């Protein structure tokens, strides 16, 4: 394990212990989960990409490596230490702090609707009124042909996602700690 990866895992665990409702897991997402969630996306068609709850940047790194050079990438991470580390690693990316403010952040950066929104947010531990506000913002911010991809540690969000999106594809990744459900949603 590299020194940088070890430091990320320690930061993640420390933040989880201090505030489990905001972090949602004891460890960052695995490469297995990243591949399962992001590998099949049509990166060449995405002009605007948004990531909610970037954490230590596991999905950020994948998206930055696979997006078109001219695509715009907005990353939202509320933890100040994690956001600072992400800004240092990804200086070409736009940043915001609150997923609840997604539509306002997109207006602030003069962005059209997103072609892809990636979520690492732990909806199961976010207060219902807040996660409903976030989902309403996702619905308003995603283009009519856009994709919303997320993971959760249960399938409890399936019905909620299905109320917003026409198509919801559920997957499962047992090789993650903890094992995770993946959601690929289309309007």
N, C-alpha and C. Protein backbone atom coordinates (compact mmCIF):
# COMPACT_ATOMS: atom_id res chain seq x y z
N UNK A 1 0.85 -1.18 0.00
CA UNK A 1 0.00 0.00 0.00
C UNK A 1 0.89 1.24 0.00
N UNK A 2 0.60 2.17 -0.89
CA UNK A 2 1.41 3.38 -0.95
C UNK A 2 1.14 4.26 0.26
N UNK A 3 2.06 5.17 0.53
CA UNK A 3 1.92 6.07 1.66
C UNK A 3 0.70 6.98 1.48
N UNK A 4 0.45 7.43 0.23
CA UNK A 4 -0.70 8.28 -0.06
C UNK A 4 -2.01 7.54 0.18
N UNK A 5 -2.08 6.29 -0.26
CA UNK A 5 -3.29 5.48 -0.07
C UNK A 5 -3.53 5.22 1.41
N UNK A 6 -2.48 4.93 2.16
CA UNK A 6 -2.62 4.70 3.60
C UNK A 6 -3.13 5.96 4.29
N UNK A 7 -2.60 7.12 3.91
CA UNK A 7 -3.04 8.38 4.50
C UNK A 7 -4.51 8.64 4.20
N UNK A 8 -4.95 8.34 2.96
CA UNK A 8 -6.36 8.50 2.59
C UNK A 8 -7.25 7.62 3.44
N UNK A 9 -6.85 6.37 3.62
CA UNK A 9 -7.66 5.44 4.42
C UNK A 9 -7.75 5.90 5.88
N UNK A 10 -6.65 6.41 6.42
CA UNK A 10 -6.66 6.90 7.80
C UNK A 10 -7.57 8.11 7.92
N UNK A 11 -7.49 9.05 6.98
CA UNK A 11 -8.36 10.23 6.98
C UNK A 11 -9.82 9.81 6.89
N UNK A 12 -10.11 8.87 6.02
CA UNK A 12 -11.47 8.39 5.83
C UNK A 12 -12.01 7.77 7.12
N UNK A 13 -11.22 6.89 7.75
CA UNK A 13 -11.63 6.23 8.99
C UNK A 13 -11.82 7.25 10.10
N UNK A 14 -10.90 8.21 10.21
CA UNK A 14 -11.01 9.25 11.24
C UNK A 14 -12.31 10.04 11.06
N UNK A 15 -12.59 10.45 9.82
CA UNK A 15 -13.82 11.19 9.55
C UNK A 15 -15.06 10.36 9.82
N UNK A 16 -15.00 9.07 9.51
CA UNK A 16 -16.14 8.19 9.79
C UNK A 16 -16.38 8.11 11.29
N UNK A 17 -15.33 7.94 12.07
CA UNK A 17 -15.47 7.83 13.53
C UNK A 17 -16.01 9.12 14.13
N UNK A 18 -15.62 10.26 13.57
CA UNK A 18 -16.11 11.55 14.08
C UNK A 18 -17.54 11.84 13.65
N UNK A 19 -17.93 11.38 12.47
CA UNK A 19 -19.26 11.69 11.96
C UNK A 19 -19.74 10.62 10.98
N UNK A 20 -20.17 9.45 11.49
CA UNK A 20 -20.57 8.36 10.61
C UNK A 20 -21.75 8.70 9.69
N UNK A 21 -22.63 9.61 10.10
CA UNK A 21 -23.78 9.96 9.25
C UNK A 21 -23.36 10.74 8.01
N UNK A 22 -22.21 11.39 8.04
CA UNK A 22 -21.76 12.14 6.87
C UNK A 22 -20.86 11.31 5.98
N UNK A 23 -20.16 10.34 6.54
CA UNK A 23 -19.22 9.55 5.75
C UNK A 23 -19.87 8.26 5.25
N UNK A 24 -20.54 7.53 6.12
CA UNK A 24 -21.31 6.37 5.68
C UNK A 24 -20.56 5.06 5.56
N UNK A 25 -19.23 5.05 5.67
CA UNK A 25 -18.45 3.82 5.53
C UNK A 25 -17.13 4.00 6.27
N UNK A 26 -16.53 2.86 6.64
CA UNK A 26 -15.25 2.94 7.35
C UNK A 26 -14.06 3.01 6.41
N UNK A 27 -14.29 2.76 5.13
CA UNK A 27 -13.18 2.74 4.16
C UNK A 27 -13.64 3.26 2.81
N UNK A 28 -12.75 3.84 2.01
CA UNK A 28 -13.14 4.30 0.67
C UNK A 28 -13.60 3.13 -0.22
N UNK A 29 -14.31 3.47 -1.26
CA UNK A 29 -14.80 2.45 -2.21
C UNK A 29 -13.63 1.72 -2.87
N UNK A 30 -13.87 0.46 -3.17
CA UNK A 30 -12.83 -0.38 -3.77
C UNK A 30 -12.76 -0.16 -5.29
N UNK A 31 -11.68 -0.67 -5.88
CA UNK A 31 -11.56 -0.63 -7.35
C UNK A 31 -12.63 -1.50 -8.00
N UNK A 32 -13.07 -2.55 -7.31
CA UNK A 32 -14.14 -3.41 -7.85
C UNK A 32 -15.44 -2.62 -7.98
N UNK A 33 -15.76 -1.85 -6.93
CA UNK A 33 -16.98 -1.04 -6.97
C UNK A 33 -16.85 0.05 -8.03
N UNK A 34 -15.70 0.67 -8.10
CA UNK A 34 -15.47 1.72 -9.09
C UNK A 34 -15.70 1.19 -10.50
N UNK A 35 -15.12 0.04 -10.81
CA UNK A 35 -15.30 -0.57 -12.14
C UNK A 35 -16.76 -0.92 -12.40
N UNK A 36 -17.40 -1.53 -11.41
CA UNK A 36 -18.80 -1.94 -11.57
C UNK A 36 -19.71 -0.74 -11.85
N UNK A 37 -19.45 0.37 -11.15
CA UNK A 37 -20.30 1.54 -11.26
C UNK A 37 -20.00 2.39 -12.50
N UNK A 38 -18.72 2.50 -12.87
CA UNK A 38 -18.33 3.50 -13.87
C UNK A 38 -17.83 2.96 -15.22
N UNK A 39 -17.39 1.72 -15.28
CA UNK A 39 -16.73 1.22 -16.50
C UNK A 39 -17.63 1.20 -17.73
N UNK A 40 -18.91 0.98 -17.57
CA UNK A 40 -19.78 0.85 -18.75
C UNK A 40 -20.39 2.18 -19.20
N UNK A 41 -20.05 3.27 -18.56
CA UNK A 41 -20.62 4.56 -18.95
C UNK A 41 -20.02 5.06 -20.27
N UNK A 42 -20.81 5.73 -21.09
CA UNK A 42 -20.32 6.25 -22.37
C UNK A 42 -19.59 7.59 -22.18
N UNK A 43 -18.40 7.54 -21.64
CA UNK A 43 -17.63 8.74 -21.29
C UNK A 43 -17.46 9.70 -22.47
N UNK A 44 -17.36 9.16 -23.68
CA UNK A 44 -17.13 10.01 -24.85
C UNK A 44 -18.34 10.91 -25.15
N UNK A 45 -19.50 10.62 -24.59
CA UNK A 45 -20.70 11.42 -24.84
C UNK A 45 -20.97 12.47 -23.76
N UNK A 46 -20.17 12.47 -22.69
CA UNK A 46 -20.44 13.37 -21.57
C UNK A 46 -19.72 14.70 -21.72
N UNK A 47 -20.51 15.79 -21.76
CA UNK A 47 -19.96 17.14 -21.77
C UNK A 47 -19.81 17.68 -20.35
N UNK A 48 -20.81 17.39 -19.49
CA UNK A 48 -20.80 17.87 -18.11
C UNK A 48 -20.99 16.66 -17.19
N UNK A 49 -20.06 16.52 -16.25
CA UNK A 49 -20.07 15.42 -15.29
C UNK A 49 -20.07 16.02 -13.89
N UNK A 50 -20.88 15.47 -13.00
CA UNK A 50 -20.94 15.92 -11.61
C UNK A 50 -20.71 14.71 -10.72
N UNK A 51 -19.95 14.91 -9.66
CA UNK A 51 -19.80 13.87 -8.64
C UNK A 51 -20.22 14.44 -7.30
N UNK A 52 -21.08 13.72 -6.62
CA UNK A 52 -21.58 14.11 -5.29
C UNK A 52 -20.95 13.20 -4.24
N UNK A 53 -20.34 13.79 -3.21
CA UNK A 53 -19.74 13.01 -2.14
C UNK A 53 -18.48 12.30 -2.59
N UNK A 54 -17.51 13.07 -3.04
CA UNK A 54 -16.30 12.49 -3.63
C UNK A 54 -15.39 11.79 -2.63
N UNK A 55 -15.47 12.15 -1.37
CA UNK A 55 -14.60 11.51 -0.37
C UNK A 55 -13.14 11.68 -0.70
N UNK A 56 -12.42 10.58 -0.77
CA UNK A 56 -10.98 10.62 -1.06
C UNK A 56 -10.67 10.63 -2.56
N UNK A 57 -11.71 10.55 -3.39
CA UNK A 57 -11.50 10.71 -4.83
C UNK A 57 -11.35 9.45 -5.64
N UNK A 58 -11.84 8.33 -5.15
CA UNK A 58 -11.74 7.07 -5.89
C UNK A 58 -12.48 7.19 -7.22
N UNK A 59 -13.74 7.66 -7.19
CA UNK A 59 -14.50 7.84 -8.42
C UNK A 59 -13.99 9.04 -9.21
N UNK A 60 -13.55 10.06 -8.50
CA UNK A 60 -13.01 11.27 -9.15
C UNK A 60 -11.83 10.91 -10.05
N UNK A 61 -10.95 10.09 -9.52
CA UNK A 61 -9.77 9.69 -10.29
C UNK A 61 -10.16 8.93 -11.55
N UNK A 62 -11.12 8.01 -11.42
CA UNK A 62 -11.57 7.24 -12.58
C UNK A 62 -12.21 8.16 -13.62
N UNK A 63 -13.11 9.02 -13.16
CA UNK A 63 -13.81 9.91 -14.09
C UNK A 63 -12.83 10.87 -14.77
N UNK A 64 -11.89 11.41 -14.02
CA UNK A 64 -10.91 12.34 -14.60
C UNK A 64 -10.06 11.64 -15.66
N UNK A 65 -9.76 10.37 -15.46
CA UNK A 65 -8.95 9.62 -16.42
C UNK A 65 -9.74 9.20 -17.65
N UNK A 66 -11.06 9.07 -17.55
CA UNK A 66 -11.86 8.55 -18.66
C UNK A 66 -12.70 9.59 -19.39
N UNK A 67 -12.88 10.75 -18.81
CA UNK A 67 -13.69 11.78 -19.47
C UNK A 67 -12.93 12.37 -20.65
N UNK A 68 -13.67 13.00 -21.54
CA UNK A 68 -13.04 13.72 -22.65
C UNK A 68 -12.27 14.91 -22.09
N UNK A 69 -11.19 15.32 -22.74
CA UNK A 69 -10.41 16.48 -22.24
C UNK A 69 -11.23 17.77 -22.16
N UNK A 70 -12.23 17.91 -23.04
CA UNK A 70 -13.03 19.14 -23.03
C UNK A 70 -14.28 19.05 -22.15
N UNK A 71 -14.50 17.93 -21.49
CA UNK A 71 -15.64 17.80 -20.58
C UNK A 71 -15.41 18.64 -19.32
N UNK A 72 -16.49 19.16 -18.77
CA UNK A 72 -16.42 19.91 -17.53
C UNK A 72 -16.79 18.96 -16.39
N UNK A 73 -16.04 19.03 -15.29
CA UNK A 73 -16.23 18.12 -14.18
C UNK A 73 -16.40 18.93 -12.90
N UNK A 74 -17.56 18.81 -12.27
CA UNK A 74 -17.87 19.48 -11.01
C UNK A 74 -17.92 18.42 -9.91
N UNK A 75 -17.10 18.61 -8.89
CA UNK A 75 -17.02 17.67 -7.77
C UNK A 75 -17.52 18.36 -6.50
N UNK A 76 -18.41 17.69 -5.79
CA UNK A 76 -18.96 18.24 -4.56
C UNK A 76 -18.55 17.34 -3.39
N UNK A 77 -17.85 17.97 -2.45
CA UNK A 77 -17.41 17.27 -1.24
C UNK A 77 -17.48 18.26 -0.09
N UNK A 78 -18.23 17.90 0.96
CA UNK A 78 -18.43 18.83 2.06
C UNK A 78 -17.32 18.82 3.10
N UNK A 79 -16.58 17.72 3.23
CA UNK A 79 -15.52 17.66 4.22
C UNK A 79 -14.35 18.55 3.77
N UNK A 80 -14.00 19.57 4.56
CA UNK A 80 -12.95 20.51 4.13
C UNK A 80 -11.59 19.86 3.88
N UNK A 81 -11.19 18.91 4.71
CA UNK A 81 -9.89 18.25 4.51
C UNK A 81 -9.89 17.42 3.23
N UNK A 82 -10.96 16.67 3.02
CA UNK A 82 -11.04 15.85 1.80
C UNK A 82 -11.10 16.74 0.56
N UNK A 83 -11.87 17.84 0.63
CA UNK A 83 -11.95 18.73 -0.52
C UNK A 83 -10.59 19.37 -0.81
N UNK A 84 -9.87 19.74 0.22
CA UNK A 84 -8.54 20.34 0.03
C UNK A 84 -7.60 19.35 -0.68
N UNK A 85 -7.63 18.09 -0.24
CA UNK A 85 -6.80 17.06 -0.86
C UNK A 85 -7.21 16.83 -2.32
N UNK A 86 -8.52 16.84 -2.59
CA UNK A 86 -9.01 16.66 -3.96
C UNK A 86 -8.59 17.82 -4.86
N UNK A 87 -8.66 19.03 -4.34
CA UNK A 87 -8.26 20.20 -5.13
C UNK A 87 -6.78 20.12 -5.51
N UNK A 88 -5.96 19.62 -4.60
CA UNK A 88 -4.53 19.48 -4.89
C UNK A 88 -4.29 18.43 -5.97
N UNK A 89 -5.05 17.34 -5.94
CA UNK A 89 -4.88 16.26 -6.92
C UNK A 89 -5.52 16.55 -8.26
N UNK A 90 -6.62 17.32 -8.26
CA UNK A 90 -7.39 17.56 -9.48
C UNK A 90 -7.61 19.06 -9.68
N UNK A 91 -6.56 19.80 -10.00
CA UNK A 91 -6.70 21.27 -10.11
C UNK A 91 -7.59 21.72 -11.27
N UNK A 92 -7.83 20.85 -12.25
CA UNK A 92 -8.64 21.22 -13.41
C UNK A 92 -10.14 21.05 -13.17
N UNK A 93 -10.51 20.58 -11.99
CA UNK A 93 -11.90 20.27 -11.66
C UNK A 93 -12.53 21.46 -10.91
N UNK A 94 -13.83 21.68 -11.14
CA UNK A 94 -14.59 22.67 -10.38
C UNK A 94 -15.06 22.02 -9.08
N UNK A 95 -15.21 22.81 -8.01
CA UNK A 95 -15.60 22.25 -6.72
C UNK A 95 -16.76 23.00 -6.09
N UNK A 96 -17.51 22.25 -5.28
CA UNK A 96 -18.57 22.79 -4.44
C UNK A 96 -18.59 21.99 -3.16
N UNK A 97 -19.39 22.48 -2.17
CA UNK A 97 -19.37 21.85 -0.85
C UNK A 97 -20.65 21.13 -0.45
N UNK A 98 -21.79 21.54 -0.97
CA UNK A 98 -23.05 20.98 -0.50
C UNK A 98 -23.87 20.38 -1.64
N UNK A 99 -24.16 19.10 -1.54
CA UNK A 99 -24.96 18.43 -2.57
C UNK A 99 -26.37 19.02 -2.64
N UNK A 100 -26.86 19.52 -1.53
CA UNK A 100 -28.19 20.14 -1.51
C UNK A 100 -28.25 21.37 -2.41
N UNK A 101 -27.09 21.95 -2.71
CA UNK A 101 -27.02 23.17 -3.52
C UNK A 101 -26.66 22.90 -4.98
N UNK A 102 -26.81 21.67 -5.45
CA UNK A 102 -26.38 21.32 -6.80
C UNK A 102 -26.92 22.26 -7.88
N UNK A 103 -28.22 22.52 -7.97
CA UNK A 103 -28.69 23.41 -9.04
C UNK A 103 -28.05 24.81 -8.96
N UNK A 104 -27.88 25.35 -7.76
CA UNK A 104 -27.26 26.67 -7.59
C UNK A 104 -25.78 26.62 -7.98
N UNK A 105 -25.09 25.56 -7.64
CA UNK A 105 -23.68 25.43 -8.01
C UNK A 105 -23.52 25.34 -9.52
N UNK A 106 -24.43 24.65 -10.17
CA UNK A 106 -24.35 24.55 -11.63
C UNK A 106 -24.60 25.92 -12.28
N UNK A 107 -25.53 26.69 -11.72
CA UNK A 107 -25.77 28.05 -12.22
C UNK A 107 -24.55 28.93 -11.96
N UNK A 108 -23.97 28.81 -10.78
CA UNK A 108 -22.79 29.59 -10.41
C UNK A 108 -21.64 29.38 -11.40
N UNK A 109 -21.47 28.13 -11.83
CA UNK A 109 -20.40 27.79 -12.79
C UNK A 109 -20.87 27.89 -14.24
N UNK A 110 -22.11 28.37 -14.43
CA UNK A 110 -22.68 28.55 -15.77
C UNK A 110 -22.67 27.25 -16.58
N UNK A 111 -23.10 26.18 -15.93
CA UNK A 111 -23.10 24.87 -16.57
C UNK A 111 -24.48 24.51 -17.08
N UNK A 112 -24.56 23.88 -18.25
CA UNK A 112 -25.84 23.32 -18.69
C UNK A 112 -26.13 22.07 -17.85
N UNK A 113 -27.25 21.45 -18.11
CA UNK A 113 -27.59 20.25 -17.35
C UNK A 113 -26.52 19.17 -17.55
N UNK A 114 -26.34 18.36 -16.52
CA UNK A 114 -25.29 17.33 -16.53
C UNK A 114 -25.69 16.13 -17.38
N UNK A 115 -24.70 15.56 -18.03
CA UNK A 115 -24.89 14.32 -18.78
C UNK A 115 -24.75 13.11 -17.88
N UNK A 116 -24.01 13.28 -16.79
CA UNK A 116 -23.79 12.19 -15.84
C UNK A 116 -23.60 12.77 -14.44
N UNK A 117 -24.33 12.19 -13.49
CA UNK A 117 -24.14 12.53 -12.08
C UNK A 117 -23.79 11.23 -11.35
N UNK A 118 -22.65 11.27 -10.68
CA UNK A 118 -22.13 10.13 -9.93
C UNK A 118 -22.34 10.44 -8.45
N UNK A 119 -22.90 9.49 -7.71
CA UNK A 119 -23.12 9.75 -6.29
C UNK A 119 -22.47 8.71 -5.40
N UNK A 120 -21.70 9.22 -4.45
CA UNK A 120 -21.16 8.40 -3.38
C UNK A 120 -21.80 8.76 -2.05
N UNK A 121 -22.93 9.47 -2.13
CA UNK A 121 -23.60 9.92 -0.90
C UNK A 121 -24.28 8.76 -0.19
N UNK A 122 -24.16 8.70 1.13
CA UNK A 122 -24.81 7.61 1.90
C UNK A 122 -26.27 7.97 2.23
N UNK A 123 -27.15 7.86 1.24
CA UNK A 123 -28.54 8.27 1.41
C UNK A 123 -29.21 7.62 2.62
N UNK A 124 -28.82 6.40 2.96
CA UNK A 124 -29.46 5.69 4.07
C UNK A 124 -29.25 6.38 5.42
N UNK A 125 -28.17 7.15 5.55
CA UNK A 125 -27.91 7.81 6.82
C UNK A 125 -28.11 9.32 6.75
N UNK A 126 -28.51 9.83 5.60
CA UNK A 126 -28.84 11.25 5.46
C UNK A 126 -30.31 11.42 5.81
N UNK A 127 -30.62 12.46 6.58
CA UNK A 127 -32.02 12.70 6.94
C UNK A 127 -32.89 12.73 5.69
N UNK A 128 -34.10 12.16 5.82
CA UNK A 128 -34.97 12.00 4.66
C UNK A 128 -35.24 13.33 3.96
N UNK A 129 -35.52 14.39 4.71
CA UNK A 129 -35.81 15.69 4.09
C UNK A 129 -34.60 16.17 3.28
N UNK A 130 -33.40 15.89 3.77
CA UNK A 130 -32.19 16.32 3.06
C UNK A 130 -31.95 15.46 1.81
N UNK A 131 -32.13 14.13 1.95
CA UNK A 131 -31.88 13.32 0.75
C UNK A 131 -32.96 13.55 -0.30
N UNK A 132 -34.17 13.89 0.09
CA UNK A 132 -35.20 14.23 -0.90
C UNK A 132 -34.85 15.54 -1.61
N UNK A 133 -34.29 16.51 -0.87
CA UNK A 133 -33.85 17.77 -1.48
C UNK A 133 -32.70 17.51 -2.47
N UNK A 134 -31.77 16.66 -2.08
CA UNK A 134 -30.64 16.32 -2.96
C UNK A 134 -31.17 15.65 -4.23
N UNK A 135 -32.08 14.70 -4.07
CA UNK A 135 -32.62 13.98 -5.24
C UNK A 135 -33.42 14.91 -6.15
N UNK A 136 -34.14 15.86 -5.58
CA UNK A 136 -34.87 16.83 -6.40
C UNK A 136 -33.87 17.68 -7.19
N UNK A 137 -32.75 18.04 -6.56
CA UNK A 137 -31.71 18.80 -7.25
C UNK A 137 -31.06 17.99 -8.36
N UNK A 138 -30.87 16.70 -8.11
CA UNK A 138 -30.31 15.82 -9.15
C UNK A 138 -31.27 15.76 -10.33
N UNK A 139 -32.56 15.60 -10.04
CA UNK A 139 -33.56 15.53 -11.11
C UNK A 139 -33.57 16.81 -11.94
N UNK A 140 -33.47 17.97 -11.29
CA UNK A 140 -33.46 19.26 -12.01
C UNK A 140 -32.16 19.49 -12.77
N UNK A 141 -31.07 18.89 -12.30
CA UNK A 141 -29.74 19.17 -12.86
C UNK A 141 -29.29 18.19 -13.93
N UNK A 142 -30.00 17.07 -14.09
CA UNK A 142 -29.62 16.04 -15.04
C UNK A 142 -30.36 16.24 -16.36
N UNK A 143 -29.63 16.16 -17.46
CA UNK A 143 -30.25 16.33 -18.78
C UNK A 143 -31.23 15.18 -19.05
N UNK A 144 -32.10 15.38 -20.02
CA UNK A 144 -33.13 14.38 -20.32
C UNK A 144 -32.53 13.06 -20.81
N UNK A 145 -31.32 13.07 -21.34
CA UNK A 145 -30.65 11.85 -21.78
C UNK A 145 -29.55 11.41 -20.80
N UNK A 146 -29.50 12.08 -19.66
CA UNK A 146 -28.42 11.84 -18.70
C UNK A 146 -28.52 10.56 -17.91
N UNK A 147 -27.42 10.22 -17.27
CA UNK A 147 -27.35 9.03 -16.41
C UNK A 147 -27.01 9.46 -14.99
N UNK A 148 -27.67 8.83 -14.04
CA UNK A 148 -27.36 9.00 -12.63
C UNK A 148 -26.88 7.65 -12.13
N UNK A 149 -25.67 7.60 -11.58
CA UNK A 149 -25.15 6.36 -11.03
C UNK A 149 -24.80 6.57 -9.57
N UNK A 150 -25.11 5.57 -8.76
CA UNK A 150 -24.89 5.66 -7.32
C UNK A 150 -24.63 4.28 -6.76
N UNK A 151 -24.10 4.27 -5.55
CA UNK A 151 -24.00 3.01 -4.83
C UNK A 151 -24.54 3.23 -3.43
N UNK A 152 -25.02 2.16 -2.85
CA UNK A 152 -25.54 2.16 -1.48
C UNK A 152 -25.20 0.80 -0.88
N UNK A 153 -25.30 0.71 0.44
CA UNK A 153 -25.01 -0.55 1.10
C UNK A 153 -26.27 -1.37 1.34
N UNK A 154 -27.38 -0.94 0.77
CA UNK A 154 -28.62 -1.71 0.80
C UNK A 154 -29.39 -1.35 -0.48
N UNK A 155 -30.50 -2.04 -0.71
CA UNK A 155 -31.30 -1.71 -1.89
C UNK A 155 -32.53 -0.88 -1.52
N UNK A 156 -32.50 -0.24 -0.35
CA UNK A 156 -33.64 0.53 0.12
C UNK A 156 -33.96 1.76 -0.74
N UNK A 157 -33.01 2.25 -1.52
CA UNK A 157 -33.25 3.44 -2.35
C UNK A 157 -33.88 3.09 -3.71
N UNK A 158 -34.03 1.80 -4.00
CA UNK A 158 -34.54 1.38 -5.31
C UNK A 158 -35.88 2.04 -5.63
N UNK A 159 -36.84 1.95 -4.73
CA UNK A 159 -38.18 2.51 -5.00
C UNK A 159 -38.12 4.03 -5.11
N UNK A 160 -37.33 4.67 -4.27
CA UNK A 160 -37.19 6.13 -4.33
C UNK A 160 -36.59 6.55 -5.66
N UNK A 161 -35.52 5.87 -6.09
CA UNK A 161 -34.91 6.18 -7.38
C UNK A 161 -35.90 5.93 -8.52
N UNK A 162 -36.70 4.88 -8.38
CA UNK A 162 -37.66 4.53 -9.44
C UNK A 162 -38.77 5.57 -9.57
N UNK A 163 -39.07 6.32 -8.50
CA UNK A 163 -40.06 7.38 -8.59
C UNK A 163 -39.54 8.56 -9.41
N UNK A 164 -38.23 8.71 -9.46
CA UNK A 164 -37.62 9.85 -10.16
C UNK A 164 -37.21 9.47 -11.58
N UNK A 165 -36.69 8.25 -11.74
CA UNK A 165 -36.12 7.84 -13.01
C UNK A 165 -36.96 6.78 -13.69
N UNK A 166 -37.02 6.86 -15.01
CA UNK A 166 -37.79 5.92 -15.83
C UNK A 166 -37.22 4.51 -15.72
N UNK A 167 -35.90 4.43 -15.72
CA UNK A 167 -35.24 3.13 -15.70
C UNK A 167 -34.20 3.11 -14.57
N UNK A 168 -34.25 2.07 -13.76
CA UNK A 168 -33.29 1.88 -12.67
C UNK A 168 -32.74 0.46 -12.75
N UNK A 169 -31.45 0.36 -13.00
CA UNK A 169 -30.80 -0.95 -13.07
C UNK A 169 -30.01 -1.15 -11.78
N UNK A 170 -30.30 -2.26 -11.12
CA UNK A 170 -29.67 -2.59 -9.84
C UNK A 170 -28.58 -3.63 -10.05
N UNK A 171 -27.42 -3.40 -9.46
CA UNK A 171 -26.32 -4.35 -9.51
C UNK A 171 -25.79 -4.60 -8.10
N UNK A 172 -24.84 -5.50 -7.98
CA UNK A 172 -24.29 -5.83 -6.67
C UNK A 172 -22.80 -6.12 -6.81
N UNK A 173 -22.03 -5.61 -5.87
CA UNK A 173 -20.59 -5.84 -5.84
C UNK A 173 -20.19 -6.43 -4.50
N UNK A 174 -20.00 -7.75 -4.43
CA UNK A 174 -19.63 -8.35 -3.15
C UNK A 174 -18.18 -8.07 -2.76
N UNK A 175 -17.34 -7.70 -3.73
CA UNK A 175 -15.92 -7.47 -3.46
C UNK A 175 -15.65 -6.02 -3.08
N UNK A 176 -16.44 -5.51 -2.16
CA UNK A 176 -16.26 -4.17 -1.61
C UNK A 176 -16.46 -4.31 -0.11
N UNK A 177 -15.88 -3.43 0.67
CA UNK A 177 -16.05 -3.47 2.12
C UNK A 177 -16.80 -2.24 2.57
N UNK A 178 -18.06 -2.36 2.97
CA UNK A 178 -18.92 -3.53 2.89
C UNK A 178 -19.40 -3.75 1.44
N UNK A 179 -19.97 -4.93 1.17
CA UNK A 179 -20.54 -5.17 -0.17
C UNK A 179 -21.55 -4.08 -0.52
N UNK A 180 -21.65 -3.75 -1.80
CA UNK A 180 -22.46 -2.59 -2.19
C UNK A 180 -23.39 -2.91 -3.36
N UNK A 181 -24.53 -2.22 -3.34
CA UNK A 181 -25.48 -2.25 -4.45
C UNK A 181 -25.19 -1.05 -5.35
N UNK A 182 -25.25 -1.26 -6.65
CA UNK A 182 -25.03 -0.19 -7.61
C UNK A 182 -26.35 0.11 -8.30
N UNK A 183 -26.55 1.38 -8.62
CA UNK A 183 -27.75 1.84 -9.30
C UNK A 183 -27.33 2.63 -10.53
N UNK A 184 -27.86 2.27 -11.67
CA UNK A 184 -27.68 3.05 -12.89
C UNK A 184 -29.07 3.49 -13.32
N UNK A 185 -29.29 4.80 -13.34
CA UNK A 185 -30.63 5.34 -13.57
C UNK A 185 -30.65 6.25 -14.79
N UNK A 186 -31.76 6.19 -15.54
CA UNK A 186 -31.96 7.03 -16.72
C UNK A 186 -33.28 7.74 -16.60
N UNK A 187 -33.35 8.97 -17.12
CA UNK A 187 -34.61 9.73 -17.11
C UNK A 187 -35.56 9.17 -18.13
